[in-house]
C-alpha cells in the first residue's frame, strides 16, 4: 500500500525542464493511435527545493502490464511516492540540481532525509550521502543530460549523458557535484524483498 504525502509547499521553478509525453493505445477498431500528446502534468519538487523536481510519466499497477482500453486513463498523480506500485512499475524523470541547492536543508534535518516513507534509510549503516535510501525495486536509470554520481555503501561512479545503471534493491544515493542540473530517466519495477 502506498502512503499519500502532502502536496509540496514549493512549486517547481520555471527553469525545471517540462517533458513532452505521448501515450499510444488503440481506437474502437483496434488500430494503433495516439491517445494524448501533452506536457507531463505530474511534476513536484523534492525537499521544497524549486530546482529539484520529479515528473511521473506513467505507472502500471500490474505486471505483465494491462494495455487494454480500460487502462487508457492517466494513472499518475501528485504527490508521488518513490517506490513503484506493488506488483507494478513507474516511469519517471528526475531533475537533480547541484547538491549545494538542497544540502543545507538536509543538514538542518539531522543530515539524512529520504524523499518519502517508501524509500527507507538503511538502519545500522553509515549514510555516505544525505539522501541514501533503499527501495524494494529493480530500477533502470539513464542519464539524459548533465552528470551525476551514483553512490553505494561501498564505492561510487560518475555517470554522464548516455550512461545507464541497473539498480537492484541496493542502498544508494545520487550526488550532483557539478554546477549544472542533471536529468535522469528511471523505470522502477516492483521486486521481491531482499532476505
Protein backbone atom coordinates (compact mmCIF):
# COMPACT_ATOMS: atom_id res chain seq x y z
CA UNK A 1 0.00 0.00 0.00
CA UNK A 2 1.34 3.42 -0.93
CA UNK A 3 1.43 6.23 1.56
CA UNK A 4 -0.03 9.53 0.34
CA UNK A 5 2.10 12.56 1.14
CA UNK A 6 1.09 16.19 1.38
CA UNK A 7 1.44 18.31 -1.72
CA UNK A 8 4.78 20.13 -1.60
CA UNK A 9 4.68 23.75 -0.48
CA UNK A 10 7.13 24.88 -3.16
CA UNK A 11 6.26 24.73 -6.84
CA UNK A 12 8.88 23.77 -9.46
CA UNK A 13 10.99 26.60 -10.86
CA UNK A 14 10.23 27.80 -14.38
CA UNK A 15 13.76 26.60 -15.22
CA UNK A 16 12.90 22.96 -14.47
CA UNK A 17 12.54 21.01 -17.71
CA UNK A 18 8.98 20.11 -18.69
CA UNK A 19 8.80 16.81 -20.59
CA UNK A 20 6.56 16.00 -23.55
CA UNK A 21 4.54 12.83 -23.01
CA UNK A 22 2.97 10.93 -25.90
CA UNK A 23 0.73 8.00 -24.99
CA UNK A 24 -0.41 5.43 -27.52
CA UNK A 25 -3.28 2.97 -27.49
CA UNK A 26 -5.98 1.54 -29.74
CA UNK A 27 -9.08 3.06 -31.22
CA UNK A 28 -12.52 1.40 -31.34
CA UNK A 29 -11.45 -0.58 -34.45
CA UNK A 30 -8.29 -1.85 -32.73
CA UNK A 31 -5.94 0.37 -34.77
CA UNK A 32 -2.95 1.95 -33.07
CA UNK A 33 -3.30 5.65 -32.36
CA UNK A 34 -2.01 8.48 -30.20
CA UNK A 35 -4.26 8.89 -27.18
CA UNK A 36 -2.54 12.02 -25.90
CA UNK A 37 0.28 14.45 -26.62
CA UNK A 38 0.97 16.88 -23.80
CA UNK A 39 3.48 18.08 -21.26
CA UNK A 40 3.76 15.63 -18.37
CA UNK A 41 1.47 17.19 -15.74
CA UNK A 42 2.65 15.29 -12.67
CA UNK A 43 5.65 17.30 -11.51
CA UNK A 44 6.59 18.11 -7.95
CA UNK A 45 9.56 19.37 -6.01
CA UNK A 46 11.76 17.41 -3.64
CA UNK A 47 12.81 18.84 -0.26
CA UNK A 48 10.87 22.02 -1.06
CA UNK A 49 13.65 22.93 -3.50
CA UNK A 50 12.23 24.56 -6.66
CA UNK A 51 15.06 23.24 -8.86
CA UNK A 52 14.84 19.62 -7.58
CA UNK A 53 11.88 18.03 -9.39
CA UNK A 54 10.31 14.68 -10.19
CA UNK A 55 7.94 14.13 -13.11
CA UNK A 56 5.96 10.88 -13.00
CA UNK A 57 5.04 9.99 -16.59
CA UNK A 58 3.26 6.62 -16.35
CA UNK A 59 2.50 3.76 -13.98
CA UNK A 60 1.32 0.21 -14.32
CA UNK A 61 -0.35 -1.38 -11.32
CA UNK A 62 0.33 -4.91 -12.56
CA UNK A 63 2.96 -6.93 -14.41
CA UNK A 64 2.53 -8.04 -17.06
CA UNK A 65 1.02 -4.63 -17.76
CA UNK A 66 -2.58 -4.26 -18.89
CA UNK A 67 -2.59 -2.35 -22.21
CA UNK A 68 -6.34 -2.71 -22.77
CA UNK A 69 -8.56 0.31 -23.36
CA UNK A 70 -9.62 0.04 -19.71
CA UNK A 71 -6.19 1.43 -18.73
CA UNK A 72 -6.08 4.34 -21.20
CA UNK A 73 -6.57 6.96 -18.46
CA UNK A 74 -3.55 8.67 -16.90
CA UNK A 75 -2.60 6.59 -13.81
CA UNK A 76 -0.25 9.12 -12.18
CA UNK A 77 -0.92 11.70 -9.52
CA UNK A 78 0.83 14.22 -7.31
CA UNK A 79 2.12 13.83 -4.73
CA UNK A 80 4.14 10.85 -5.87
CA UNK A 81 5.75 8.06 -3.90
CA UNK A 82 9.27 6.84 -4.67
CA UNK A 83 8.58 3.11 -4.81
CA UNK A 84 6.62 1.62 -7.70
CA UNK A 85 3.12 0.25 -7.05
CA UNK A 86 3.11 -3.24 -5.51
CA UNK A 87 3.28 -5.67 -8.43
CA UNK A 88 3.78 -2.80 -10.90
CA UNK A 89 6.20 -0.21 -12.24
CA UNK A 90 6.64 3.54 -12.68
CA UNK A 91 8.35 5.62 -15.37
CA UNK A 92 9.68 8.99 -14.22
CA UNK A 93 12.24 11.69 -14.87
CA UNK A 94 14.17 13.42 -12.08
CA UNK A 95 15.96 16.73 -12.45
CA UNK A 96 18.76 16.83 -9.87
CA UNK A 97 20.11 20.31 -9.13
CA UNK A 98 23.65 20.72 -7.81
CA UNK A 99 23.76 19.24 -4.29
CA UNK A 100 24.54 22.68 -2.85
CA UNK A 101 20.94 23.70 -3.68
CA UNK A 102 19.43 21.29 -1.13
CA UNK A 103 22.21 20.07 1.22
CA UNK A 104 21.66 22.84 3.84
CA UNK A 105 18.04 21.69 4.24
CA UNK A 106 19.10 18.10 4.87
CA UNK A 107 21.80 19.23 7.31
CA UNK A 108 19.12 21.15 9.24
CA UNK A 109 17.02 17.94 9.33
CA UNK A 110 19.82 15.99 11.03
CA UNK A 111 21.89 15.06 7.99
CA UNK A 112 19.69 12.45 6.33
CA UNK A 113 16.33 12.81 4.59
CA UNK A 114 14.79 10.21 2.27
CA UNK A 115 12.20 11.54 -0.16
CA UNK A 116 9.31 9.61 1.41
CA UNK A 117 8.46 6.62 3.59
CA UNK A 118 8.68 4.14 0.69
CA UNK A 119 12.39 4.95 0.33
CA UNK A 120 13.78 3.86 3.66
CA UNK A 121 17.02 4.91 5.25
CA UNK A 122 19.14 1.81 5.74
CA UNK A 123 19.33 1.32 9.51
CA UNK A 124 22.65 0.36 11.05
CA UNK A 125 24.76 1.61 8.18
CA UNK A 126 26.58 4.93 7.99
CA UNK A 127 24.98 7.30 5.47
CA UNK A 128 27.53 8.36 2.87
CA UNK A 129 25.14 10.99 1.50
CA UNK A 130 22.19 12.98 2.81
CA UNK A 131 19.72 11.07 0.65
CA UNK A 132 20.99 7.50 0.98
CA UNK A 133 17.94 5.26 0.67
CA UNK A 134 16.74 1.86 -0.45
CA UNK A 135 13.57 0.79 -2.23
CA UNK A 136 12.13 -2.65 -2.91
CA UNK A 137 12.56 -2.36 -6.66
CA UNK A 138 14.63 -3.11 -9.73
CA UNK A 139 15.49 0.29 -11.22
CA UNK A 140 16.71 1.17 -14.69
CA UNK A 141 18.33 4.61 -14.98
CA UNK A 142 19.66 6.51 -17.99
CA UNK A 143 21.31 9.90 -17.73
CA UNK A 144 19.71 12.20 -20.32
CA UNK A 145 21.83 15.30 -19.66
CA UNK A 146 24.45 16.53 -17.23
CA UNK A 147 26.48 14.39 -14.87
CA UNK A 148 25.77 12.66 -11.57
CA UNK A 149 27.49 10.33 -9.13
CA UNK A 150 25.83 7.01 -8.24
CA UNK A 151 26.81 6.31 -4.61
CA UNK A 152 26.66 2.87 -2.97
CA UNK A 153 27.59 1.77 0.55
CA UNK A 154 30.93 0.79 -0.99
CA UNK A 155 32.07 2.82 -3.98
CA UNK A 156 30.72 5.45 -6.32
CA UNK A 157 30.74 6.05 -10.07
CA UNK A 158 30.40 9.24 -12.10
CA UNK A 159 27.77 8.99 -14.84
CA UNK A 160 27.22 11.30 -17.79
CA UNK A 161 24.66 11.65 -20.60
CA UNK A 162 24.05 8.26 -22.22
CA UNK A 163 25.29 6.20 -19.25
CA UNK A 164 22.93 3.62 -17.77
CA UNK A 165 22.63 1.90 -14.41
CA UNK A 166 20.72 -1.16 -13.21
CA UNK A 167 19.88 -0.72 -9.53
CA UNK A 168 18.97 -3.98 -7.80
CA UNK A 169 17.39 -3.00 -4.48
CA UNK A 170 20.62 -1.51 -3.14
CA UNK A 171 21.15 1.27 -0.63
CA UNK A 172 22.14 4.25 -2.77
CA UNK A 173 22.11 7.99 -3.38
CA UNK A 174 22.58 10.39 -6.28
CA UNK A 175 25.04 13.29 -5.98
CA UNK A 176 25.22 16.15 -8.45
CA UNK A 177 28.64 17.65 -7.75
CA UNK A 178 28.56 19.83 -10.85
CA UNK A 179 27.29 23.38 -11.33
CA UNK A 180 24.50 22.34 -13.75
CA UNK A 181 21.31 20.29 -13.39
CA UNK A 182 21.37 16.60 -14.28
CA UNK A 183 18.31 14.91 -15.80
CA UNK A 184 17.86 11.16 -15.32
CA UNK A 185 15.05 8.91 -16.60
CA UNK A 186 14.06 5.98 -14.39
CA UNK A 187 11.87 2.90 -14.67
CA UNK A 188 11.26 1.31 -11.26
CA UNK A 189 9.84 -2.21 -11.23
CA UNK A 190 8.47 -3.79 -8.04
CA UNK A 191 10.74 -6.56 -6.75
CA UNK A 192 10.79 -9.24 -4.09
CA UNK A 193 12.12 -8.01 -0.74
CA UNK A 194 15.75 -8.86 -0.10
CA UNK A 195 16.11 -11.57 2.54
